[in-house]
């Protein structure tokens, strides 16, 4: 019986610019910085279980990101478009119905949500509805004549 073979994943930097981020490091999300951190730890020769205990990630996930780094470089550490949960309310499809509900009930989010749902809108939580309103709100600013719409 043959012993199982193990794939050794090593990273060797030949130049200091190999781990240079494509954008400013301050614009990187914390999860991307974490991925870069364990790539650096792996380049130092540490083992996957050791790195996993430092960064709090399982070995399988680390091997996935190491393989992605080896194939795509530093840009492979960024989260790709289309990942994550899709929004429950679509700005293009749901905004007109929400605007009609807001015009009818300007003072209460619950009343706006109830009117939206009564007119055939999707049923979502109050927090989700409130976040949608905030994201789709038109900015206003204060002027000498009072509050005015911007844009």
Foldseek 3Di string as FASTA:
>chain_A
DDDDDDDDQADEDPDPCQQPAPDDPVPDDPQLVLLSVVNVVRNVVDDQVVSCVVSVDDSVVNVVSSVQCVVPGSVSSDDDPPDDDDQPDDCVPLVVLLVVLCVVPVPDLVSSLVSSVVVPHDDDDSVSSVVVCVVPPFDWDADPVGIDTDD
